[in-house]
Amino acid sequence: MNRLKYFLDCYFNQGEGFDDLDRLIQEFKAIENDACRFQFITELHQIMQTKNYELASRIMKKYGSRILNLEKTEKFINFLYDRLIDRPTNVKPQDFKRNVKVVLCPVCCPNPEKVTAFNLIEKATIVKNNQQIFICKPCKLVWLSEDIQADNAQDYKKFMKTLGLKGLWKELSDVDTL
């Protein structure tokens, strides 16, 4: 899936939004040579034929920081394919957007004007007991409810040790921006 990686890395990277997708596809078609375009179309077609959307989803997450469920990944791959071969589609780039509630860490980001992606609180599930928590990775603080304030934060490792865990990131699943 080298062409999908390439498209995500060079065109549809973190700096671009879904609203830019049509423009980026047109840029790709205008800039890349026939062989590159053909390889990408062939790769997308192969993904659709083998229904290998799980691998495509992992590649999208790793190379484009795009986290889509398998249904949306399938739609995305089909959308790219249709656009690259100039076939009409009912799917719009806005169909891939998620409505995300942004919550900033009150400890490491007290000034909302200096926000980075690292200051976002993420929701996660503890694998051992299926408990949902809210975590700030940079300052390693955790909250047990959506009432996220500086005075009710707990140290992640200490909290996990109270559960008999080591406080490793692999002890969490479903980590996603709140």
N, C-alpha and C. Protein backbone atom coordinates (compact mmCIF):
# COMPACT_ATOMS: atom_id res chain seq x y z
N MET A 1 0.83 -1.19 0.00
CA MET A 1 0.00 0.00 0.00
C MET A 1 0.87 1.26 0.00
N ASN A 2 1.89 1.20 -0.80
CA ASN A 2 2.83 2.31 -0.86
C ASN A 2 2.21 3.59 -1.41
N ARG A 3 1.32 3.48 -2.36
CA ARG A 3 0.72 4.68 -2.96
C ARG A 3 -0.23 5.36 -1.98
N LEU A 4 -0.97 4.58 -1.20
CA LEU A 4 -1.85 5.17 -0.19
C LEU A 4 -0.99 5.90 0.85
N LYS A 5 0.10 5.26 1.28
CA LYS A 5 1.02 5.91 2.22
C LYS A 5 1.54 7.23 1.63
N TYR A 6 1.92 7.16 0.37
CA TYR A 6 2.46 8.34 -0.31
C TYR A 6 1.43 9.46 -0.37
N PHE A 7 0.20 9.13 -0.74
CA PHE A 7 -0.86 10.14 -0.83
C PHE A 7 -1.10 10.78 0.53
N LEU A 8 -1.15 9.96 1.58
CA LEU A 8 -1.39 10.47 2.93
C LEU A 8 -0.20 11.29 3.43
N ASP A 9 0.97 10.87 3.10
CA ASP A 9 2.18 11.55 3.56
C ASP A 9 2.41 12.87 2.83
N CYS A 10 2.22 12.86 1.53
CA CYS A 10 2.59 14.03 0.71
C CYS A 10 1.43 14.96 0.38
N TYR A 11 0.24 14.46 0.36
CA TYR A 11 -0.90 15.29 -0.04
C TYR A 11 -1.89 15.48 1.12
N PHE A 12 -2.48 14.40 1.57
CA PHE A 12 -3.52 14.48 2.60
C PHE A 12 -2.93 14.22 3.98
N ASN A 13 -1.96 15.09 4.35
CA ASN A 13 -1.27 14.94 5.63
C ASN A 13 -2.02 15.67 6.73
N GLN A 14 -1.44 15.70 7.91
CA GLN A 14 -2.08 16.30 9.09
C GLN A 14 -2.48 17.76 8.89
N GLY A 15 -1.77 18.47 8.05
CA GLY A 15 -2.05 19.89 7.85
C GLY A 15 -3.27 20.16 6.97
N GLU A 16 -3.83 19.11 6.40
CA GLU A 16 -4.96 19.26 5.49
C GLU A 16 -6.22 18.67 6.11
N GLY A 17 -7.34 19.30 5.86
CA GLY A 17 -8.61 18.81 6.37
C GLY A 17 -9.42 18.13 5.29
N PHE A 18 -10.51 17.52 5.69
CA PHE A 18 -11.38 16.83 4.73
C PHE A 18 -11.97 17.81 3.72
N ASP A 19 -12.12 19.08 4.11
CA ASP A 19 -12.62 20.08 3.17
C ASP A 19 -11.65 20.31 2.02
N ASP A 20 -10.39 19.96 2.21
CA ASP A 20 -9.35 20.14 1.19
C ASP A 20 -9.19 18.92 0.29
N LEU A 21 -9.91 17.86 0.58
CA LEU A 21 -9.68 16.59 -0.09
C LEU A 21 -9.86 16.65 -1.60
N ASP A 22 -10.93 17.26 -2.08
CA ASP A 22 -11.15 17.35 -3.53
C ASP A 22 -9.99 18.08 -4.21
N ARG A 23 -9.57 19.18 -3.62
CA ARG A 23 -8.46 19.96 -4.18
C ARG A 23 -7.18 19.13 -4.20
N LEU A 24 -6.93 18.36 -3.14
CA LEU A 24 -5.72 17.55 -3.06
C LEU A 24 -5.72 16.42 -4.09
N ILE A 25 -6.87 15.85 -4.32
CA ILE A 25 -6.97 14.80 -5.34
C ILE A 25 -6.68 15.40 -6.71
N GLN A 26 -7.21 16.58 -6.97
CA GLN A 26 -6.96 17.24 -8.25
C GLN A 26 -5.47 17.59 -8.39
N GLU A 27 -4.85 18.03 -7.31
CA GLU A 27 -3.41 18.31 -7.33
C GLU A 27 -2.62 17.05 -7.65
N PHE A 28 -2.99 15.96 -6.98
CA PHE A 28 -2.33 14.68 -7.21
C PHE A 28 -2.43 14.29 -8.69
N LYS A 29 -3.64 14.42 -9.24
CA LYS A 29 -3.85 14.04 -10.64
C LYS A 29 -3.06 14.94 -11.59
N ALA A 30 -2.90 16.21 -11.23
CA ALA A 30 -2.19 17.15 -12.10
C ALA A 30 -0.67 17.01 -12.00
N ILE A 31 -0.17 16.70 -10.82
CA ILE A 31 1.28 16.68 -10.59
C ILE A 31 1.91 15.33 -10.90
N GLU A 32 1.27 14.26 -10.47
CA GLU A 32 1.88 12.93 -10.58
C GLU A 32 1.80 12.41 -12.01
N ASN A 33 2.79 11.60 -12.38
CA ASN A 33 2.81 11.04 -13.73
C ASN A 33 1.79 9.92 -13.87
N ASP A 34 1.57 9.48 -15.10
CA ASP A 34 0.57 8.46 -15.40
C ASP A 34 0.82 7.17 -14.63
N ALA A 35 2.06 6.76 -14.54
CA ALA A 35 2.39 5.51 -13.85
C ALA A 35 2.02 5.58 -12.37
N CYS A 36 2.32 6.70 -11.73
CA CYS A 36 2.00 6.88 -10.30
C CYS A 36 0.49 6.86 -10.09
N ARG A 37 -0.22 7.59 -10.93
CA ARG A 37 -1.69 7.61 -10.82
C ARG A 37 -2.27 6.21 -11.02
N PHE A 38 -1.77 5.49 -12.03
CA PHE A 38 -2.25 4.14 -12.32
C PHE A 38 -1.97 3.21 -11.14
N GLN A 39 -0.79 3.31 -10.54
CA GLN A 39 -0.45 2.47 -9.39
C GLN A 39 -1.38 2.74 -8.21
N PHE A 40 -1.70 4.01 -7.99
CA PHE A 40 -2.59 4.35 -6.88
C PHE A 40 -4.00 3.82 -7.13
N ILE A 41 -4.49 4.00 -8.34
CA ILE A 41 -5.83 3.50 -8.69
C ILE A 41 -5.86 1.98 -8.55
N THR A 42 -4.82 1.31 -9.02
CA THR A 42 -4.73 -0.15 -8.92
C THR A 42 -4.70 -0.59 -7.46
N GLU A 43 -3.95 0.12 -6.65
CA GLU A 43 -3.86 -0.20 -5.22
C GLU A 43 -5.22 -0.04 -4.53
N LEU A 44 -5.91 1.05 -4.82
CA LEU A 44 -7.24 1.27 -4.24
C LEU A 44 -8.21 0.18 -4.70
N HIS A 45 -8.13 -0.18 -5.96
CA HIS A 45 -9.00 -1.23 -6.50
C HIS A 45 -8.73 -2.56 -5.79
N GLN A 46 -7.46 -2.85 -5.55
CA GLN A 46 -7.10 -4.08 -4.85
C GLN A 46 -7.63 -4.07 -3.41
N ILE A 47 -7.56 -2.94 -2.74
CA ILE A 47 -8.11 -2.84 -1.38
C ILE A 47 -9.60 -3.13 -1.41
N MET A 48 -10.29 -2.56 -2.39
CA MET A 48 -11.74 -2.77 -2.50
C MET A 48 -12.06 -4.23 -2.82
N GLN A 49 -11.29 -4.85 -3.70
CA GLN A 49 -11.54 -6.25 -4.08
C GLN A 49 -11.30 -7.21 -2.91
N THR A 50 -10.24 -6.96 -2.15
CA THR A 50 -9.89 -7.85 -1.03
C THR A 50 -10.59 -7.44 0.26
N LYS A 51 -11.26 -6.29 0.22
CA LYS A 51 -11.94 -5.73 1.41
C LYS A 51 -10.97 -5.61 2.60
N ASN A 52 -9.75 -5.20 2.30
CA ASN A 52 -8.71 -5.07 3.31
C ASN A 52 -8.76 -3.67 3.93
N TYR A 53 -9.92 -3.32 4.47
CA TYR A 53 -10.12 -1.98 5.03
C TYR A 53 -9.46 -1.82 6.39
N GLU A 54 -9.22 -2.93 7.07
CA GLU A 54 -8.55 -2.85 8.37
C GLU A 54 -7.11 -2.38 8.18
N LEU A 55 -6.41 -2.96 7.21
CA LEU A 55 -5.04 -2.53 6.93
C LEU A 55 -5.04 -1.09 6.42
N ALA A 56 -5.97 -0.76 5.55
CA ALA A 56 -6.07 0.62 5.05
C ALA A 56 -6.30 1.59 6.20
N SER A 57 -7.13 1.20 7.16
CA SER A 57 -7.40 2.05 8.32
C SER A 57 -6.14 2.27 9.15
N ARG A 58 -5.36 1.21 9.34
CA ARG A 58 -4.11 1.34 10.11
C ARG A 58 -3.13 2.26 9.38
N ILE A 59 -3.05 2.13 8.07
CA ILE A 59 -2.16 2.99 7.28
C ILE A 59 -2.62 4.44 7.36
N MET A 60 -3.93 4.65 7.29
CA MET A 60 -4.47 6.02 7.39
C MET A 60 -4.14 6.63 8.74
N LYS A 61 -4.21 5.83 9.77
CA LYS A 61 -3.90 6.33 11.11
C LYS A 61 -2.41 6.64 11.24
N LYS A 62 -1.56 5.75 10.75
CA LYS A 62 -0.12 5.91 10.90
C LYS A 62 0.46 7.02 10.02
N TYR A 63 0.03 7.09 8.77
CA TYR A 63 0.66 8.02 7.84
C TYR A 63 -0.11 9.31 7.63
N GLY A 64 -1.37 9.34 8.01
CA GLY A 64 -2.15 10.56 7.82
C GLY A 64 -2.82 11.05 9.09
N SER A 65 -2.61 10.33 10.20
CA SER A 65 -3.26 10.66 11.47
C SER A 65 -4.77 10.79 11.29
N ARG A 66 -5.33 9.90 10.47
CA ARG A 66 -6.78 9.87 10.23
C ARG A 66 -7.33 8.62 10.90
N ILE A 67 -8.23 8.82 11.84
CA ILE A 67 -8.81 7.69 12.55
C ILE A 67 -10.26 7.57 12.11
N LEU A 68 -10.51 6.57 11.27
CA LEU A 68 -11.86 6.31 10.78
C LEU A 68 -12.21 4.86 11.12
N ASN A 69 -13.49 4.63 11.43
CA ASN A 69 -13.90 3.25 11.63
C ASN A 69 -13.88 2.52 10.29
N LEU A 70 -14.09 1.22 10.30
CA LEU A 70 -13.96 0.45 9.06
C LEU A 70 -14.98 0.86 8.01
N GLU A 71 -16.18 1.20 8.43
CA GLU A 71 -17.21 1.63 7.48
C GLU A 71 -16.78 2.92 6.77
N LYS A 72 -16.29 3.88 7.54
CA LYS A 72 -15.84 5.14 6.93
C LYS A 72 -14.55 4.95 6.13
N THR A 73 -13.70 4.03 6.55
CA THR A 73 -12.50 3.73 5.77
C THR A 73 -12.88 3.19 4.40
N GLU A 74 -13.85 2.29 4.38
CA GLU A 74 -14.32 1.74 3.11
C GLU A 74 -14.88 2.86 2.21
N LYS A 75 -15.69 3.73 2.80
CA LYS A 75 -16.23 4.87 2.04
C LYS A 75 -15.10 5.76 1.52
N PHE A 76 -14.10 6.00 2.35
CA PHE A 76 -12.98 6.86 1.98
C PHE A 76 -12.21 6.26 0.80
N ILE A 77 -11.90 4.97 0.87
CA ILE A 77 -11.17 4.31 -0.21
C ILE A 77 -11.98 4.36 -1.51
N ASN A 78 -13.27 4.08 -1.41
CA ASN A 78 -14.14 4.15 -2.59
C ASN A 78 -14.23 5.57 -3.13
N PHE A 79 -14.28 6.55 -2.24
CA PHE A 79 -14.34 7.95 -2.64
C PHE A 79 -13.07 8.33 -3.42
N LEU A 80 -11.91 7.98 -2.88
CA LEU A 80 -10.65 8.26 -3.56
C LEU A 80 -10.63 7.62 -4.95
N TYR A 81 -11.02 6.36 -4.99
CA TYR A 81 -11.03 5.63 -6.26
C TYR A 81 -11.94 6.33 -7.28
N ASP A 82 -13.16 6.63 -6.84
CA ASP A 82 -14.12 7.29 -7.75
C ASP A 82 -13.59 8.62 -8.24
N ARG A 83 -13.00 9.40 -7.36
CA ARG A 83 -12.47 10.72 -7.76
C ARG A 83 -11.28 10.59 -8.71
N LEU A 84 -10.45 9.60 -8.45
CA LEU A 84 -9.26 9.43 -9.30
C LEU A 84 -9.61 8.96 -10.72
N ILE A 85 -10.71 8.20 -10.85
CA ILE A 85 -11.10 7.75 -12.20
C ILE A 85 -12.23 8.62 -12.75
N ASP A 86 -12.51 9.71 -12.08
CA ASP A 86 -13.55 10.67 -12.51
C ASP A 86 -14.93 10.03 -12.61
N ARG A 87 -15.24 9.15 -11.67
CA ARG A 87 -16.56 8.52 -11.61
C ARG A 87 -17.41 9.29 -10.59
N PRO A 88 -18.65 9.59 -10.93
CA PRO A 88 -19.52 10.32 -9.98
C PRO A 88 -19.71 9.51 -8.69
N THR A 89 -19.84 10.24 -7.60
CA THR A 89 -20.06 9.61 -6.30
C THR A 89 -20.99 10.48 -5.47
N ASN A 90 -21.76 9.85 -4.61
CA ASN A 90 -22.65 10.58 -3.71
C ASN A 90 -21.95 10.96 -2.41
N VAL A 91 -20.76 10.45 -2.21
CA VAL A 91 -20.01 10.72 -0.99
C VAL A 91 -19.35 12.08 -1.10
N LYS A 92 -19.39 12.82 -0.01
CA LYS A 92 -18.76 14.14 0.04
C LYS A 92 -17.64 14.09 1.10
N PRO A 93 -16.60 14.89 0.91
CA PRO A 93 -15.53 14.90 1.92
C PRO A 93 -16.04 15.19 3.33
N GLN A 94 -17.09 15.97 3.46
CA GLN A 94 -17.64 16.29 4.78
C GLN A 94 -18.21 15.06 5.48
N ASP A 95 -18.51 13.99 4.73
CA ASP A 95 -19.05 12.77 5.33
C ASP A 95 -18.04 12.09 6.26
N PHE A 96 -16.76 12.46 6.12
CA PHE A 96 -15.72 11.83 6.93
C PHE A 96 -15.40 12.60 8.20
N LYS A 97 -15.92 13.80 8.30
CA LYS A 97 -15.64 14.61 9.48
C LYS A 97 -16.34 14.04 10.69
N ARG A 98 -15.68 14.18 11.82
CA ARG A 98 -16.29 13.80 13.09
C ARG A 98 -16.55 15.07 13.88
N ASN A 99 -17.65 15.07 14.59
CA ASN A 99 -17.90 16.18 15.50
C ASN A 99 -17.17 15.87 16.79
N VAL A 100 -16.14 16.61 17.05
CA VAL A 100 -15.29 16.36 18.21
C VAL A 100 -15.41 17.51 19.18
N LYS A 101 -15.65 17.16 20.42
CA LYS A 101 -15.66 18.15 21.48
C LYS A 101 -14.22 18.27 21.98
N VAL A 102 -13.65 19.44 21.87
CA VAL A 102 -12.26 19.63 22.26
C VAL A 102 -12.20 20.07 23.71
N VAL A 103 -11.44 19.30 24.49
CA VAL A 103 -11.23 19.63 25.90
C VAL A 103 -9.72 19.74 26.09
N LEU A 104 -9.30 20.88 26.58
CA LEU A 104 -7.88 21.12 26.81
C LEU A 104 -7.51 20.82 28.25
N CYS A 105 -6.30 20.37 28.44
CA CYS A 105 -5.81 20.08 29.78
C CYS A 105 -5.68 21.39 30.56
N PRO A 106 -6.32 21.49 31.72
CA PRO A 106 -6.24 22.72 32.51
C PRO A 106 -4.89 22.89 33.21
N VAL A 107 -4.07 21.84 33.22
CA VAL A 107 -2.77 21.92 33.89
C VAL A 107 -1.68 22.35 32.91
N CYS A 108 -1.55 21.64 31.78
CA CYS A 108 -0.45 21.96 30.87
C CYS A 108 -0.85 22.95 29.79
N CYS A 109 -2.11 23.36 29.77
CA CYS A 109 -2.55 24.35 28.78
C CYS A 109 -3.51 25.35 29.42
N PRO A 110 -3.04 26.09 30.42
CA PRO A 110 -3.92 27.07 31.04
C PRO A 110 -4.23 28.26 30.13
N ASN A 111 -3.41 28.45 29.08
CA ASN A 111 -3.61 29.54 28.14
C ASN A 111 -4.13 28.98 26.81
N PRO A 112 -5.45 29.04 26.54
CA PRO A 112 -6.03 28.45 25.33
C PRO A 112 -5.50 29.05 24.03
N GLU A 113 -4.83 30.18 24.10
CA GLU A 113 -4.29 30.78 22.88
C GLU A 113 -2.99 30.12 22.43
N LYS A 114 -2.41 29.27 23.27
CA LYS A 114 -1.18 28.57 22.93
C LYS A 114 -1.43 27.06 22.86
N VAL A 115 -2.49 26.68 22.17
CA VAL A 115 -2.92 25.30 22.09
C VAL A 115 -2.11 24.53 21.06
N THR A 116 -1.77 23.30 21.42
CA THR A 116 -1.23 22.35 20.45
C THR A 116 -2.05 21.08 20.59
N ALA A 117 -1.90 20.19 19.64
CA ALA A 117 -2.65 18.93 19.69
C ALA A 117 -2.29 18.13 20.93
N PHE A 118 -1.12 18.37 21.49
CA PHE A 118 -0.70 17.62 22.66
C PHE A 118 -1.44 18.03 23.92
N ASN A 119 -2.11 19.17 23.90
CA ASN A 119 -2.82 19.63 25.08
C ASN A 119 -4.24 19.09 25.16
N LEU A 120 -4.64 18.28 24.20
CA LEU A 120 -6.00 17.77 24.19
C LEU A 120 -6.15 16.60 25.15
N ILE A 121 -7.28 16.58 25.84
CA ILE A 121 -7.61 15.47 26.72
C ILE A 121 -8.12 14.33 25.85
N GLU A 122 -7.66 13.13 26.13
CA GLU A 122 -8.11 11.97 25.38
C GLU A 122 -8.91 11.04 26.27
N LYS A 123 -9.87 10.41 25.66
CA LYS A 123 -10.70 9.42 26.35
C LYS A 123 -10.08 8.06 26.10
N ALA A 124 -10.05 7.21 27.11
CA ALA A 124 -9.46 5.88 26.96
C ALA A 124 -10.21 4.89 27.84
N THR A 125 -10.00 3.63 27.57
CA THR A 125 -10.60 2.56 28.37
C THR A 125 -9.48 1.72 28.95
N ILE A 126 -9.57 1.45 30.25
CA ILE A 126 -8.59 0.58 30.91
C ILE A 126 -8.95 -0.85 30.53
N VAL A 127 -8.00 -1.56 29.94
CA VAL A 127 -8.26 -2.90 29.43
C VAL A 127 -8.70 -3.85 30.53
N LYS A 128 -8.05 -3.78 31.69
CA LYS A 128 -8.30 -4.74 32.78
C LYS A 128 -9.75 -4.73 33.27
N ASN A 129 -10.31 -3.53 33.45
CA ASN A 129 -11.65 -3.46 34.05
C ASN A 129 -12.69 -2.72 33.20
N ASN A 130 -12.29 -2.34 31.99
CA ASN A 130 -13.21 -1.66 31.05
C ASN A 130 -13.67 -0.30 31.55
N GLN A 131 -12.93 0.30 32.47
CA GLN A 131 -13.27 1.61 33.02
C GLN A 131 -12.82 2.72 32.06
N GLN A 132 -13.69 3.68 31.86
CA GLN A 132 -13.35 4.80 31.00
C GLN A 132 -12.68 5.89 31.84
N ILE A 133 -11.58 6.43 31.28
CA ILE A 133 -10.86 7.52 31.94
C ILE A 133 -10.58 8.61 30.91
N PHE A 134 -10.13 9.74 31.39
CA PHE A 134 -9.75 10.86 30.55
C PHE A 134 -8.31 11.20 30.91
N ILE A 135 -7.48 11.34 29.88
CA ILE A 135 -6.05 11.43 30.15
C ILE A 135 -5.40 12.53 29.31
N CYS A 136 -4.41 13.19 29.91
CA CYS A 136 -3.55 14.14 29.20
C CYS A 136 -2.19 13.46 29.12
N LYS A 137 -1.77 13.11 27.92
CA LYS A 137 -0.50 12.40 27.75
C LYS A 137 0.72 13.23 28.14
N PRO A 138 0.79 14.52 27.75
CA PRO A 138 2.02 15.27 28.09
C PRO A 138 2.28 15.38 29.59
N CYS A 139 1.24 15.66 30.37
CA CYS A 139 1.49 15.82 31.81
C CYS A 139 1.12 14.58 32.62
N LYS A 140 0.67 13.53 31.93
CA LYS A 140 0.38 12.23 32.53
C LYS A 140 -0.58 12.34 33.71
N LEU A 141 -1.64 13.10 33.47
CA LEU A 141 -2.70 13.22 34.47
C LEU A 141 -3.94 12.51 33.97
N VAL A 142 -4.77 12.07 34.90
CA VAL A 142 -5.97 11.33 34.55
C VAL A 142 -7.16 11.86 35.35
N TRP A 143 -8.34 11.79 34.73
CA TRP A 143 -9.60 12.15 35.37
C TRP A 143 -10.54 10.98 35.21
N LEU A 144 -11.41 10.79 36.19
CA LEU A 144 -12.33 9.67 36.16
C LEU A 144 -13.70 10.06 35.63
N SER A 145 -13.91 11.35 35.38
CA SER A 145 -15.17 11.82 34.82
C SER A 145 -14.88 12.97 33.87
N GLU A 146 -15.90 13.44 33.19
CA GLU A 146 -15.73 14.57 32.26
C GLU A 146 -15.59 15.90 32.99
N ASP A 147 -15.63 15.88 34.32
CA ASP A 147 -15.40 17.08 35.12
C ASP A 147 -13.89 17.28 35.23
N ILE A 148 -13.32 17.86 34.18
CA ILE A 148 -11.87 17.97 34.07
C ILE A 148 -11.42 19.34 34.55
N GLN A 149 -10.81 19.33 35.74
CA GLN A 149 -10.30 20.55 36.36
C GLN A 149 -8.93 20.24 36.95
N ALA A 150 -8.13 21.27 37.14
CA ALA A 150 -6.78 21.07 37.66
C ALA A 150 -6.80 20.43 39.05
N ASP A 151 -7.77 20.78 39.88
CA ASP A 151 -7.77 20.30 41.26
C ASP A 151 -8.30 18.87 41.43
N ASN A 152 -8.86 18.25 40.39
CA ASN A 152 -9.33 16.87 40.56
C ASN A 152 -8.55 15.88 39.67
N ALA A 153 -7.39 16.30 39.20
CA ALA A 153 -6.54 15.43 38.39
C ALA A 153 -5.76 14.49 39.29
N GLN A 154 -5.46 13.31 38.75
CA GLN A 154 -4.66 12.32 39.47
C GLN A 154 -3.48 11.93 38.59
N ASP A 155 -2.39 11.57 39.23
CA ASP A 155 -1.23 11.07 38.51
C ASP A 155 -1.58 9.72 37.89
N TYR A 156 -1.32 9.58 36.59
CA TYR A 156 -1.70 8.38 35.84
C TYR A 156 -1.08 7.11 36.42
N LYS A 157 0.24 7.11 36.62
CA LYS A 157 0.91 5.89 37.11
C LYS A 157 0.41 5.50 38.51
N LYS A 158 0.27 6.50 39.39
CA LYS A 158 -0.21 6.20 40.75
C LYS A 158 -1.62 5.64 40.71
N PHE A 159 -2.48 6.22 39.87
CA PHE A 159 -3.86 5.73 39.76
C PHE A 159 -3.87 4.29 39.24
N MET A 160 -3.09 4.02 38.20
CA MET A 160 -3.07 2.68 37.62
C MET A 160 -2.52 1.66 38.62
N LYS A 161 -1.57 2.07 39.45
CA LYS A 161 -1.02 1.16 40.46
C LYS A 161 -2.05 0.79 41.51
N THR A 162 -3.00 1.70 41.79
CA THR A 162 -4.08 1.36 42.73
C THR A 162 -4.97 0.25 42.16
N LEU A 163 -4.93 0.07 40.85
CA LEU A 163 -5.71 -1.00 40.20
C LEU A 163 -4.87 -2.26 39.99
N GLY A 164 -3.63 -2.25 40.48
CA GLY A 164 -2.74 -3.39 40.31
C GLY A 164 -2.07 -3.42 38.95
N LEU A 165 -2.01 -2.28 38.28
CA LEU A 165 -1.40 -2.18 36.95
C LEU A 165 -0.11 -1.40 37.04
N LYS A 166 0.65 -1.37 35.96
CA LYS A 166 1.96 -0.71 35.95
C LYS A 166 1.89 0.74 35.48
N GLY A 167 0.80 1.14 34.85
CA GLY A 167 0.71 2.51 34.33
C GLY A 167 1.31 2.65 32.95
N LEU A 168 1.27 1.57 32.16
CA LEU A 168 1.79 1.60 30.80
C LEU A 168 0.67 1.98 29.83
N TRP A 169 1.05 2.60 28.69
CA TRP A 169 0.03 3.01 27.71
C TRP A 169 -0.67 1.80 27.11
N LYS A 170 0.03 0.67 27.03
CA LYS A 170 -0.59 -0.51 26.42
C LYS A 170 -1.68 -1.10 27.31
N GLU A 171 -1.82 -0.61 28.53
CA GLU A 171 -2.90 -1.07 29.40
C GLU A 171 -4.20 -0.33 29.10
N LEU A 172 -4.16 0.56 28.09
CA LEU A 172 -5.34 1.32 27.66
C LEU A 172 -5.76 0.88 26.27
N SER A 173 -7.04 1.03 26.00
CA SER A 173 -7.53 0.79 24.64
C SER A 173 -8.48 1.93 24.27
N ASP A 174 -8.86 1.96 23.02
CA ASP A 174 -9.83 2.95 22.51
C ASP A 174 -9.43 4.38 22.85
N VAL A 175 -8.14 4.68 22.80
CA VAL A 175 -7.70 6.05 23.09
C VAL A 175 -8.10 6.93 21.93
N ASP A 176 -8.84 7.97 22.23
CA ASP A 176 -9.35 8.87 21.19
C ASP A 176 -9.54 10.25 21.81
N THR A 177 -9.44 11.26 20.96
CA THR A 177 -9.69 12.63 21.42
C THR A 177 -11.11 12.73 21.93
N LEU A 178 -11.29 13.36 23.05
CA LEU A 178 -12.60 13.51 23.68
C LEU A 178 -13.57 14.22 22.77
